[in-house]
N, C-alpha and C. Protein backbone atom coordinates (compact mmCIF):
# COMPACT_ATOMS: atom_id res chain seq x y z
N MET A 1 150.05 121.25 100.47
CA MET A 1 149.14 122.22 100.08
C MET A 1 148.97 122.11 98.61
N ASN A 2 147.75 122.30 98.15
CA ASN A 2 147.63 122.33 96.70
C ASN A 2 148.14 123.39 95.88
N ASN A 3 149.02 123.16 95.09
CA ASN A 3 149.72 124.28 94.32
C ASN A 3 148.77 125.12 93.61
N ALA A 4 147.62 124.66 93.23
CA ALA A 4 146.63 125.45 92.56
C ALA A 4 146.06 126.63 93.41
N ILE A 5 146.22 126.42 94.75
CA ILE A 5 145.54 127.42 95.59
C ILE A 5 146.61 128.07 96.48
N GLU A 6 147.88 127.68 96.41
CA GLU A 6 148.87 128.22 97.18
C GLU A 6 149.00 129.62 96.88
N GLU A 7 149.26 130.45 97.93
CA GLU A 7 149.61 131.85 97.75
C GLU A 7 150.94 132.19 97.30
N ILE A 8 151.16 133.00 96.30
CA ILE A 8 152.34 133.39 95.76
C ILE A 8 152.72 134.72 96.21
N TYR A 9 153.84 134.94 96.82
CA TYR A 9 154.07 136.40 97.38
C TYR A 9 154.86 137.15 96.44
N VAL A 10 154.25 138.16 95.88
CA VAL A 10 154.89 138.90 94.79
C VAL A 10 155.54 140.14 95.33
N SER A 11 156.84 139.89 95.57
CA SER A 11 157.71 141.10 96.25
C SER A 11 157.91 142.14 95.17
N THR A 12 157.54 143.28 95.35
CA THR A 12 157.50 144.35 94.36
C THR A 12 158.25 145.50 94.78
N ASP A 13 159.21 146.05 93.97
CA ASP A 13 159.87 147.24 94.29
C ASP A 13 159.65 148.37 93.15
N VAL A 14 159.38 149.63 93.49
CA VAL A 14 159.14 150.62 92.56
C VAL A 14 160.13 151.80 92.70
N GLU A 15 160.74 152.15 91.54
CA GLU A 15 161.54 153.36 91.54
C GLU A 15 160.75 154.47 90.81
N ALA A 16 160.72 155.66 91.41
CA ALA A 16 159.94 156.76 90.84
C ALA A 16 160.65 158.02 90.91
N ASP A 17 160.17 159.03 90.18
CA ASP A 17 160.85 160.36 90.28
C ASP A 17 159.95 161.28 91.08
N GLY A 18 159.00 160.90 92.03
CA GLY A 18 158.31 161.74 92.88
C GLY A 18 157.50 160.88 93.84
N PRO A 19 156.80 161.48 94.80
CA PRO A 19 156.09 160.75 95.91
C PRO A 19 154.77 160.10 95.45
N ILE A 20 154.12 160.59 94.44
CA ILE A 20 152.82 160.12 94.12
C ILE A 20 152.62 159.81 92.57
N PRO A 21 151.97 158.94 92.03
CA PRO A 21 151.81 158.64 90.58
C PRO A 21 150.85 159.80 90.12
N GLY A 22 151.01 160.13 88.79
CA GLY A 22 150.11 161.22 88.16
C GLY A 22 150.96 162.43 87.98
N PRO A 23 151.10 163.11 89.03
CA PRO A 23 151.99 164.25 89.01
C PRO A 23 153.46 163.88 88.66
N HIS A 24 153.74 162.67 89.02
CA HIS A 24 155.25 162.12 88.89
C HIS A 24 155.05 160.71 88.22
N SER A 25 156.20 160.18 87.83
CA SER A 25 156.25 159.03 87.08
C SER A 25 156.91 157.89 87.75
N MET A 26 156.47 156.71 87.43
CA MET A 26 157.10 155.40 87.98
C MET A 26 158.06 155.31 86.75
N LEU A 27 159.55 155.11 87.26
CA LEU A 27 160.70 154.97 86.24
C LEU A 27 160.81 153.50 85.90
N SER A 28 160.75 152.60 86.88
CA SER A 28 160.96 151.29 86.86
C SER A 28 160.23 150.52 87.87
N PHE A 29 160.06 149.35 87.61
CA PHE A 29 159.28 148.44 88.72
C PHE A 29 159.80 146.91 88.48
N ALA A 30 159.81 146.23 89.49
CA ALA A 30 160.18 144.69 89.30
C ALA A 30 159.37 144.06 90.41
N SER A 31 159.08 142.71 90.09
CA SER A 31 158.45 141.78 91.04
C SER A 31 159.30 140.51 91.05
N ALA A 32 159.38 139.88 92.15
CA ALA A 32 159.90 138.64 92.46
C ALA A 32 158.96 137.67 93.16
N ALA A 33 158.41 136.73 92.57
CA ALA A 33 157.36 135.79 93.10
C ALA A 33 157.95 134.69 93.81
N TYR A 34 157.63 134.57 95.10
CA TYR A 34 158.01 133.55 95.82
C TYR A 34 156.96 132.63 96.48
N THR A 35 157.24 131.29 96.56
CA THR A 35 156.36 130.55 97.35
C THR A 35 156.80 130.74 98.89
N SER A 36 155.90 130.30 99.67
CA SER A 36 156.07 130.41 101.10
C SER A 36 157.39 129.85 101.72
N ASP A 37 157.86 128.84 100.98
CA ASP A 37 159.05 128.18 101.43
C ASP A 37 160.47 128.77 100.68
N LYS A 38 160.27 130.12 100.16
CA LYS A 38 161.29 130.89 99.69
C LYS A 38 161.86 130.30 98.34
N ARG A 39 160.97 129.68 97.56
CA ARG A 39 161.39 129.40 96.33
C ARG A 39 161.07 130.40 95.23
N LEU A 40 161.94 130.92 94.57
CA LEU A 40 161.69 132.13 93.59
C LEU A 40 161.17 131.47 92.32
N VAL A 41 159.87 131.81 92.16
CA VAL A 41 159.08 131.19 91.01
C VAL A 41 159.44 131.80 89.64
N ALA A 42 159.39 133.23 89.63
CA ALA A 42 159.57 133.96 88.55
C ALA A 42 159.84 135.44 88.88
N THR A 43 160.36 136.10 87.87
CA THR A 43 160.60 137.65 88.07
C THR A 43 160.12 138.32 86.93
N PHE A 44 159.81 139.61 87.13
CA PHE A 44 159.40 140.41 85.98
C PHE A 44 159.97 141.89 86.40
N SER A 45 160.46 142.48 85.40
CA SER A 45 160.92 143.96 85.44
C SER A 45 160.75 144.78 84.20
N ALA A 46 160.62 146.03 84.48
CA ALA A 46 160.45 146.92 83.18
C ALA A 46 160.85 148.27 83.56
N ASN A 47 161.38 148.94 82.66
CA ASN A 47 161.66 150.32 82.87
C ASN A 47 160.85 151.11 81.90
N LEU A 48 160.18 152.22 82.46
CA LEU A 48 159.10 152.85 81.89
C LEU A 48 159.42 154.25 81.21
N GLU A 49 158.79 154.67 80.16
CA GLU A 49 158.78 155.94 79.71
C GLU A 49 158.01 156.84 80.69
N THR A 50 158.38 158.08 80.89
CA THR A 50 157.75 158.90 81.89
C THR A 50 156.43 159.32 81.32
N LEU A 51 155.53 159.71 82.22
CA LEU A 51 154.22 160.17 81.81
C LEU A 51 154.39 161.61 81.19
N PRO A 52 153.61 161.75 79.96
CA PRO A 52 153.99 163.05 79.25
C PRO A 52 153.51 164.26 80.14
N GLU A 53 152.58 164.17 80.99
CA GLU A 53 152.01 165.27 81.70
C GLU A 53 152.70 165.42 83.07
N ALA A 54 153.70 164.61 83.40
CA ALA A 54 154.33 164.55 84.71
C ALA A 54 155.67 165.27 84.67
N THR A 55 156.25 165.58 85.93
CA THR A 55 157.52 166.14 86.18
C THR A 55 158.11 165.47 87.29
N ALA A 56 159.44 165.63 87.33
CA ALA A 56 160.11 164.98 88.54
C ALA A 56 160.02 165.94 89.67
N HIS A 57 159.87 165.43 90.90
CA HIS A 57 159.81 166.19 92.07
C HIS A 57 161.18 166.67 92.41
N PRO A 58 161.56 167.80 92.81
CA PRO A 58 163.04 168.26 92.97
C PRO A 58 163.67 167.47 94.13
N VAL A 59 162.93 166.87 95.18
CA VAL A 59 163.62 166.19 96.20
C VAL A 59 164.21 164.92 95.54
N GLN A 60 163.26 164.07 94.81
CA GLN A 60 163.73 162.95 94.16
C GLN A 60 164.84 163.08 92.97
N ALA A 61 164.53 164.24 92.36
CA ALA A 61 165.49 164.49 91.28
C ALA A 61 166.90 164.71 91.81
N ALA A 62 166.96 165.32 93.05
CA ALA A 62 168.30 165.55 93.68
C ALA A 62 168.87 164.25 94.21
N TRP A 63 167.91 163.38 94.69
CA TRP A 63 168.33 161.98 95.19
C TRP A 63 168.94 161.23 94.08
N TRP A 64 168.24 161.25 92.96
CA TRP A 64 168.66 160.34 91.89
C TRP A 64 170.14 160.84 91.28
N LYS A 65 170.37 162.07 91.49
CA LYS A 65 171.77 162.51 91.17
C LYS A 65 172.94 161.83 92.01
N THR A 66 172.49 161.32 93.22
CA THR A 66 173.43 160.70 94.00
C THR A 66 173.51 159.20 93.71
N GLN A 67 172.68 158.61 92.74
CA GLN A 67 172.60 157.32 92.41
C GLN A 67 172.71 157.10 90.94
N PRO A 68 173.82 157.51 90.35
CA PRO A 68 174.05 157.49 88.90
C PRO A 68 173.96 156.13 88.35
N GLN A 69 174.39 155.01 88.95
CA GLN A 69 174.32 153.59 88.41
C GLN A 69 172.74 153.19 88.37
N ALA A 70 172.11 153.42 89.40
CA ALA A 70 170.79 153.01 89.56
C ALA A 70 169.79 153.63 88.53
N TRP A 71 170.24 155.02 88.41
CA TRP A 71 169.44 155.81 87.42
C TRP A 71 169.68 155.30 86.05
N ALA A 72 170.99 155.06 85.70
CA ALA A 72 171.29 154.58 84.39
C ALA A 72 170.60 153.18 84.06
N ALA A 73 170.48 152.36 85.11
CA ALA A 73 169.83 151.10 84.97
C ALA A 73 168.47 151.27 84.67
N SER A 74 167.76 152.25 85.21
CA SER A 74 166.31 152.57 85.13
C SER A 74 165.97 153.13 83.89
N ARG A 75 166.93 153.67 83.15
CA ARG A 75 166.62 154.46 81.97
C ARG A 75 167.02 153.76 80.60
N GLN A 76 167.31 152.27 80.72
CA GLN A 76 167.63 151.56 79.59
C GLN A 76 166.33 150.68 79.18
N SER A 77 166.27 150.52 77.84
CA SER A 77 165.26 149.75 77.29
C SER A 77 163.80 150.13 77.74
N LEU A 78 163.50 151.36 77.50
CA LEU A 78 162.34 151.90 78.01
C LEU A 78 161.19 151.32 77.24
N GLN A 79 160.02 151.15 78.07
CA GLN A 79 158.71 150.61 77.42
C GLN A 79 157.57 151.64 77.70
N THR A 80 156.56 151.64 76.97
CA THR A 80 155.46 152.43 77.34
C THR A 80 154.76 151.96 78.49
N PRO A 81 154.15 152.74 79.32
CA PRO A 81 153.35 152.09 80.44
C PRO A 81 152.29 151.13 80.00
N GLU A 82 151.68 151.45 78.78
CA GLU A 82 150.53 150.52 78.38
C GLU A 82 151.01 149.21 78.08
N LYS A 83 152.30 149.11 77.46
CA LYS A 83 152.76 147.73 77.22
C LYS A 83 153.25 146.91 78.41
N ALA A 84 153.95 147.69 79.24
CA ALA A 84 154.65 147.18 80.35
C ALA A 84 153.63 146.60 81.32
N LEU A 85 152.68 147.45 81.74
CA LEU A 85 151.70 147.04 82.60
C LEU A 85 150.67 145.97 82.15
N ALA A 86 150.34 146.00 80.77
CA ALA A 86 149.57 144.88 80.41
C ALA A 86 150.36 143.56 80.39
N ASP A 87 151.64 143.70 80.08
CA ASP A 87 152.47 142.41 80.20
C ASP A 87 152.50 141.94 81.61
N TYR A 88 152.67 142.94 82.53
CA TYR A 88 152.79 142.62 83.98
C TYR A 88 151.58 141.90 84.40
N VAL A 89 150.48 142.44 84.22
CA VAL A 89 149.18 141.87 84.64
C VAL A 89 148.94 140.44 84.15
N ALA A 90 149.29 140.15 82.90
CA ALA A 90 149.22 138.93 82.32
C ALA A 90 150.15 137.89 83.12
N TRP A 91 151.50 138.49 83.32
CA TRP A 91 152.39 137.75 84.08
C TRP A 91 151.87 137.21 85.41
N VAL A 92 151.41 138.35 86.21
CA VAL A 92 150.81 138.00 87.57
C VAL A 92 149.65 137.01 87.44
N GLU A 93 148.83 137.19 86.59
CA GLU A 93 147.69 136.24 86.52
C GLU A 93 148.07 134.90 85.99
N ALA A 94 149.21 134.68 85.44
CA ALA A 94 149.75 133.38 84.94
C ALA A 94 150.50 132.55 86.05
N LEU A 95 150.80 133.26 87.28
CA LEU A 95 151.49 132.59 88.29
C LEU A 95 150.86 131.52 88.79
N PRO A 96 151.33 130.51 89.31
CA PRO A 96 150.84 129.28 89.80
C PRO A 96 150.33 129.29 91.19
N GLY A 97 149.47 130.20 91.49
CA GLY A 97 148.84 130.43 92.83
C GLY A 97 148.16 131.83 92.86
N LYS A 98 147.61 131.94 94.00
CA LYS A 98 146.94 133.29 94.43
C LYS A 98 147.90 134.34 94.71
N PRO A 99 148.07 135.39 93.84
CA PRO A 99 148.95 136.46 94.00
C PRO A 99 148.85 137.32 95.30
N VAL A 100 149.85 137.63 96.07
CA VAL A 100 149.70 138.54 97.21
C VAL A 100 150.78 139.63 96.97
N PHE A 101 150.36 140.87 96.87
CA PHE A 101 151.50 141.90 96.61
C PHE A 101 152.16 142.14 98.06
N VAL A 102 153.49 142.20 97.97
CA VAL A 102 154.37 142.39 99.21
C VAL A 102 155.38 143.49 98.75
N ALA A 103 155.57 144.38 99.83
CA ALA A 103 156.43 145.59 99.70
C ALA A 103 156.84 146.02 100.85
N PHE A 104 157.84 146.95 100.86
CA PHE A 104 158.33 147.59 101.98
C PHE A 104 158.75 149.15 101.54
N PRO A 105 158.06 150.11 101.81
CA PRO A 105 156.74 150.15 102.57
C PRO A 105 155.64 149.86 101.43
N ALA A 106 154.63 149.14 101.61
CA ALA A 106 153.61 148.92 100.61
C ALA A 106 152.80 150.14 100.43
N GLY A 107 152.60 151.02 101.31
CA GLY A 107 151.95 152.23 101.04
C GLY A 107 152.51 153.10 99.77
N PHE A 108 153.75 152.94 99.71
CA PHE A 108 154.40 153.66 98.49
C PHE A 108 154.35 152.83 97.24
N ASP A 109 154.89 151.59 97.16
CA ASP A 109 154.85 150.69 96.02
C ASP A 109 153.59 150.50 95.54
N PHE A 110 152.78 149.99 96.34
CA PHE A 110 151.35 149.55 95.91
C PHE A 110 150.49 150.84 95.37
N THR A 111 150.71 152.12 95.91
CA THR A 111 150.14 153.14 95.33
C THR A 111 150.47 153.34 93.96
N PHE A 112 151.68 153.35 93.62
CA PHE A 112 152.30 153.45 92.21
C PHE A 112 151.65 152.31 91.33
N MET A 113 151.86 151.00 91.83
CA MET A 113 151.39 149.95 90.96
C MET A 113 149.96 149.85 90.74
N PHE A 114 149.18 150.05 91.75
CA PHE A 114 147.68 150.13 91.55
C PHE A 114 147.25 151.15 90.74
N TRP A 115 147.86 152.44 90.76
CA TRP A 115 147.48 153.48 89.85
C TRP A 115 147.69 153.29 88.43
N TYR A 116 148.92 152.75 88.22
CA TYR A 116 149.39 152.42 86.85
C TYR A 116 148.65 151.20 86.34
N MET A 117 148.32 150.27 87.15
CA MET A 117 147.50 149.01 86.59
C MET A 117 146.17 149.52 86.31
N MET A 118 145.51 150.24 87.13
CA MET A 118 144.10 150.74 86.87
C MET A 118 144.04 151.67 85.68
N ARG A 119 145.06 152.49 85.56
CA ARG A 119 144.90 153.42 84.43
C ARG A 119 145.25 152.82 83.11
N PHE A 120 146.19 151.98 82.99
CA PHE A 120 146.74 151.47 81.74
C PHE A 120 146.11 150.06 81.51
N VAL A 121 145.54 149.29 82.37
CA VAL A 121 145.06 147.92 82.14
C VAL A 121 143.66 147.82 82.54
N GLY A 122 143.13 148.60 83.56
CA GLY A 122 141.96 148.65 83.98
C GLY A 122 141.55 147.60 85.02
N ARG A 123 142.55 146.86 85.62
CA ARG A 123 142.16 145.87 86.52
C ARG A 123 143.58 145.75 87.30
N CYS A 124 143.50 145.18 88.53
CA CYS A 124 144.59 144.92 89.43
C CYS A 124 144.43 143.42 89.88
N PRO A 125 145.38 142.47 89.57
CA PRO A 125 145.20 141.08 90.03
C PRO A 125 145.45 140.84 91.46
N PHE A 126 145.86 141.90 92.08
CA PHE A 126 146.02 141.79 93.56
C PHE A 126 144.79 142.21 94.39
N SER A 127 143.75 142.58 93.72
CA SER A 127 142.58 143.21 94.32
C SER A 127 143.02 144.54 94.92
N TRP A 128 142.48 144.85 96.17
CA TRP A 128 142.62 146.17 96.76
C TRP A 128 143.56 146.18 97.97
N SER A 129 144.38 145.06 98.05
CA SER A 129 145.18 145.10 99.20
C SER A 129 146.55 144.65 99.01
N ALA A 130 147.43 144.98 99.94
CA ALA A 130 148.93 144.68 99.82
C ALA A 130 149.42 144.36 101.22
N LEU A 131 150.36 143.42 101.22
CA LEU A 131 151.01 143.04 102.56
C LEU A 131 152.31 143.87 102.85
N ASP A 132 152.27 144.47 103.88
CA ASP A 132 153.38 145.48 104.17
C ASP A 132 154.44 144.87 105.06
N ILE A 133 155.65 144.62 104.74
CA ILE A 133 156.59 144.05 105.50
C ILE A 133 156.89 144.79 106.80
N LYS A 134 156.88 146.16 106.71
CA LYS A 134 157.02 146.84 108.00
C LYS A 134 155.95 146.67 109.09
N THR A 135 154.73 146.43 108.56
CA THR A 135 153.61 146.02 109.54
C THR A 135 153.89 144.63 110.09
N LEU A 136 154.29 143.77 109.26
CA LEU A 136 154.54 142.47 109.77
C LEU A 136 155.62 142.52 110.80
N ALA A 137 156.76 143.40 110.48
CA ALA A 137 157.86 143.41 111.53
C ALA A 137 157.36 144.13 112.85
N PHE A 138 156.44 145.08 112.80
CA PHE A 138 155.83 145.65 113.96
C PHE A 138 155.10 144.60 114.83
N ALA A 139 154.39 143.66 114.32
CA ALA A 139 153.70 142.60 114.84
C ALA A 139 154.60 141.57 115.50
N MET A 140 155.67 141.29 114.84
CA MET A 140 156.57 140.22 115.25
C MET A 140 157.59 140.76 116.23
N THR A 141 158.04 141.93 116.19
CA THR A 141 159.23 142.42 117.12
C THR A 141 158.62 143.13 118.44
N GLY A 142 157.55 143.68 118.23
CA GLY A 142 157.00 144.51 119.25
C GLY A 142 157.63 145.89 119.45
N LEU A 143 158.44 146.21 118.45
CA LEU A 143 159.04 147.57 118.33
C LEU A 143 157.85 148.56 118.12
N PRO A 144 158.15 149.85 118.52
CA PRO A 144 157.21 150.85 117.91
C PRO A 144 157.16 150.90 116.33
N TYR A 145 156.05 151.27 115.89
CA TYR A 145 155.93 151.06 114.40
C TYR A 145 156.85 151.81 113.69
N ARG A 146 157.16 153.22 114.16
CA ARG A 146 158.15 154.18 113.54
C ARG A 146 159.50 153.57 113.58
N LYS A 147 159.79 152.71 114.58
CA LYS A 147 161.25 152.21 114.62
C LYS A 147 161.38 150.81 113.94
N CYS A 148 160.36 150.34 113.25
CA CYS A 148 160.40 149.15 112.44
C CYS A 148 161.20 149.43 111.19
N ILE A 149 162.52 149.55 111.22
CA ILE A 149 163.44 149.87 110.08
C ILE A 149 164.31 148.76 109.86
N LYS A 150 164.87 148.57 108.76
CA LYS A 150 165.77 147.35 108.50
C LYS A 150 166.91 147.27 109.39
N PRO A 151 167.56 148.39 109.83
CA PRO A 151 168.73 148.16 110.74
C PRO A 151 168.27 147.67 112.15
N ARG A 152 166.98 147.70 112.61
CA ARG A 152 166.60 147.22 113.77
C ARG A 152 166.01 145.75 113.66
N PHE A 153 166.03 145.25 112.50
CA PHE A 153 165.52 143.88 112.33
C PHE A 153 166.52 142.80 112.68
N PRO A 154 166.18 141.71 113.12
CA PRO A 154 167.18 140.57 113.47
C PRO A 154 168.08 140.24 112.21
N ALA A 155 169.29 140.05 112.49
CA ALA A 155 170.19 139.75 111.40
C ALA A 155 169.87 138.52 110.59
N HIS A 156 169.40 137.49 111.27
CA HIS A 156 169.08 136.26 110.55
C HIS A 156 167.90 136.45 109.62
N TRP A 157 167.21 137.40 109.72
CA TRP A 157 166.12 137.62 108.64
C TRP A 157 166.61 138.00 107.28
N PHE A 158 167.92 138.31 107.17
CA PHE A 158 168.43 138.81 105.88
C PHE A 158 169.35 137.65 105.24
N ASP A 159 169.08 137.62 103.94
CA ASP A 159 170.12 136.85 103.12
C ASP A 159 171.17 137.75 102.48
N ALA A 160 172.07 137.29 101.79
CA ALA A 160 173.21 137.95 101.21
C ALA A 160 172.76 138.52 99.97
N HIS A 161 171.77 139.27 99.83
CA HIS A 161 171.21 139.94 98.59
C HIS A 161 171.59 141.44 98.66
N PRO A 162 172.02 142.03 97.54
CA PRO A 162 172.43 143.46 97.60
C PRO A 162 171.07 144.22 97.52
N HIS A 163 171.18 145.55 98.05
CA HIS A 163 170.20 146.51 97.87
C HIS A 163 170.80 147.67 97.09
N THR A 164 170.34 147.73 95.87
CA THR A 164 171.07 148.65 94.83
C THR A 164 170.16 149.84 94.37
N HIS A 165 168.96 149.78 94.69
CA HIS A 165 167.85 150.73 94.04
C HIS A 165 167.68 150.42 92.63
N VAL A 166 168.15 149.26 92.17
CA VAL A 166 167.80 148.67 90.97
C VAL A 166 166.57 147.74 91.30
N ALA A 167 165.46 148.08 90.69
CA ALA A 167 164.11 147.52 91.06
C ALA A 167 164.25 145.93 91.25
N LEU A 168 164.80 145.17 90.38
CA LEU A 168 164.74 143.88 90.35
C LEU A 168 165.65 143.32 91.62
N ASP A 169 166.78 143.94 91.69
CA ASP A 169 167.66 143.55 92.87
C ASP A 169 167.00 143.71 94.09
N ASP A 170 166.23 144.83 94.33
CA ASP A 170 165.49 145.20 95.56
C ASP A 170 164.40 144.33 95.72
N ALA A 171 163.64 143.94 94.74
CA ALA A 171 162.40 143.09 94.89
C ALA A 171 162.91 141.65 95.21
N ILE A 172 163.95 141.20 94.83
CA ILE A 172 164.43 139.82 95.20
C ILE A 172 165.00 139.85 96.66
N GLU A 173 165.70 140.82 97.01
CA GLU A 173 166.12 141.02 98.41
C GLU A 173 164.95 141.09 99.35
N GLN A 174 164.06 141.83 99.09
CA GLN A 174 162.92 142.10 99.89
C GLN A 174 162.04 140.90 99.94
N GLY A 175 161.82 140.04 98.83
CA GLY A 175 161.14 138.81 98.98
C GLY A 175 161.60 137.79 99.76
N ALA A 176 163.10 137.80 99.88
CA ALA A 176 163.83 136.79 100.61
C ALA A 176 163.46 137.17 102.12
N LEU A 177 163.71 138.51 102.42
CA LEU A 177 163.55 138.98 103.80
C LEU A 177 162.10 138.51 104.21
N PHE A 178 161.12 138.81 103.37
CA PHE A 178 159.69 138.52 103.81
C PHE A 178 159.59 136.99 104.06
N CYS A 179 160.10 136.09 103.25
CA CYS A 179 159.94 134.70 103.40
C CYS A 179 160.59 134.27 104.55
N ASN A 180 161.80 134.83 105.01
CA ASN A 180 162.35 134.32 106.24
C ASN A 180 161.62 134.77 107.51
N MET A 181 160.96 135.94 107.38
CA MET A 181 160.04 136.44 108.48
C MET A 181 158.88 135.53 108.49
N LEU A 182 158.37 135.16 107.37
CA LEU A 182 157.15 134.22 107.47
C LEU A 182 157.46 132.97 108.07
N ALA A 183 158.66 132.40 107.69
CA ALA A 183 159.07 131.06 108.21
C ALA A 183 159.10 131.17 109.74
N GLU A 184 159.74 132.20 110.20
CA GLU A 184 159.84 132.34 111.73
C GLU A 184 158.50 132.49 112.38
N LEU A 185 157.67 133.34 111.77
CA LEU A 185 156.26 133.54 112.23
C LEU A 185 155.48 132.14 112.24
N ARG A 186 155.66 131.29 111.26
CA ARG A 186 154.83 130.17 111.26
C ARG A 186 155.46 129.15 112.16
N ALA A 187 156.87 129.07 112.32
CA ALA A 187 157.48 128.23 113.33
C ALA A 187 156.98 128.64 114.80
N GLN A 188 156.86 129.93 115.08
CA GLN A 188 156.38 130.37 116.45
C GLN A 188 154.80 129.94 116.53
N GLN A 189 154.10 130.09 115.59
CA GLN A 189 152.71 129.62 115.59
C GLN A 189 152.54 128.19 115.92
N LYS A 190 153.48 127.43 115.26
CA LYS A 190 153.38 126.06 115.37
C LYS A 190 153.79 125.52 116.81
N GLU A 191 154.86 126.32 117.36
CA GLU A 191 155.31 126.00 118.66
C GLU A 191 154.30 126.28 119.69
N ASN A 192 153.60 127.57 119.50
CA ASN A 192 152.47 128.04 120.42
C ASN A 192 151.46 126.92 120.40
N SER A 193 150.99 126.43 119.16
CA SER A 193 149.97 125.56 118.92
C SER A 193 150.21 124.21 119.77
N SER A 194 151.40 123.83 119.66
CA SER A 194 151.95 122.59 120.25
C SER A 194 151.81 122.78 121.76
N GLY A 195 152.27 123.83 122.29
CA GLY A 195 152.34 124.08 123.69
C GLY A 195 150.94 124.17 124.20
N THR A 196 149.96 124.61 123.55
CA THR A 196 148.47 124.61 123.82
C THR A 196 148.01 123.21 123.95
N ASP A 197 148.28 122.51 122.94
CA ASP A 197 147.78 121.13 122.85
C ASP A 197 148.24 120.17 124.02
N GLU A 198 149.49 120.50 124.41
CA GLU A 198 150.28 119.71 125.43
C GLU A 198 149.61 119.94 126.85
N SER A 199 149.02 121.33 126.92
CA SER A 199 148.46 121.71 128.37
C SER A 199 147.00 121.14 128.54
N LEU A 200 146.31 120.69 127.35
CA LEU A 200 145.11 120.17 127.57
C LEU A 200 144.99 118.86 128.23
């Protein structure tokens, strides 16, 4: 495949102080850019100043009190959203391929990232779409969608990466998970294709 047109899977994790952007703030975010063969191309992470008009949701505020190390990690070296998101969009646009946003659940992470990019940069290099790992698992396992949670995934989908609620750690872990799923899916597709050819 020509590297100039290869898709780059940008596994992204968001840490926030509420369920939606605007009323609440994105505290930190990170992306780990992978090729389809699980090569980690580059990473990006930033901790953000909170939005001046926003407040923390009480449910998330209580949860963060149970995660003091992750909270402390998210409050170091704070950047303005204007700077961090401008730098991030430039980083995505410089990746050696067509970027695909990947998250779990994409509905949460992409909502924050899209809102912040459109507000502070005015464009989104991922267009209007995001690849949801939960939906991919639903298609691959046959489990009911609501039961597509990590404890029900096959063990061989996971590498030995920590899940710490520090955005960069979780983006790397999640990206490796996605690449393992993608490799299995493509192997199944190849096997099915070979079987079809042999029956002709």
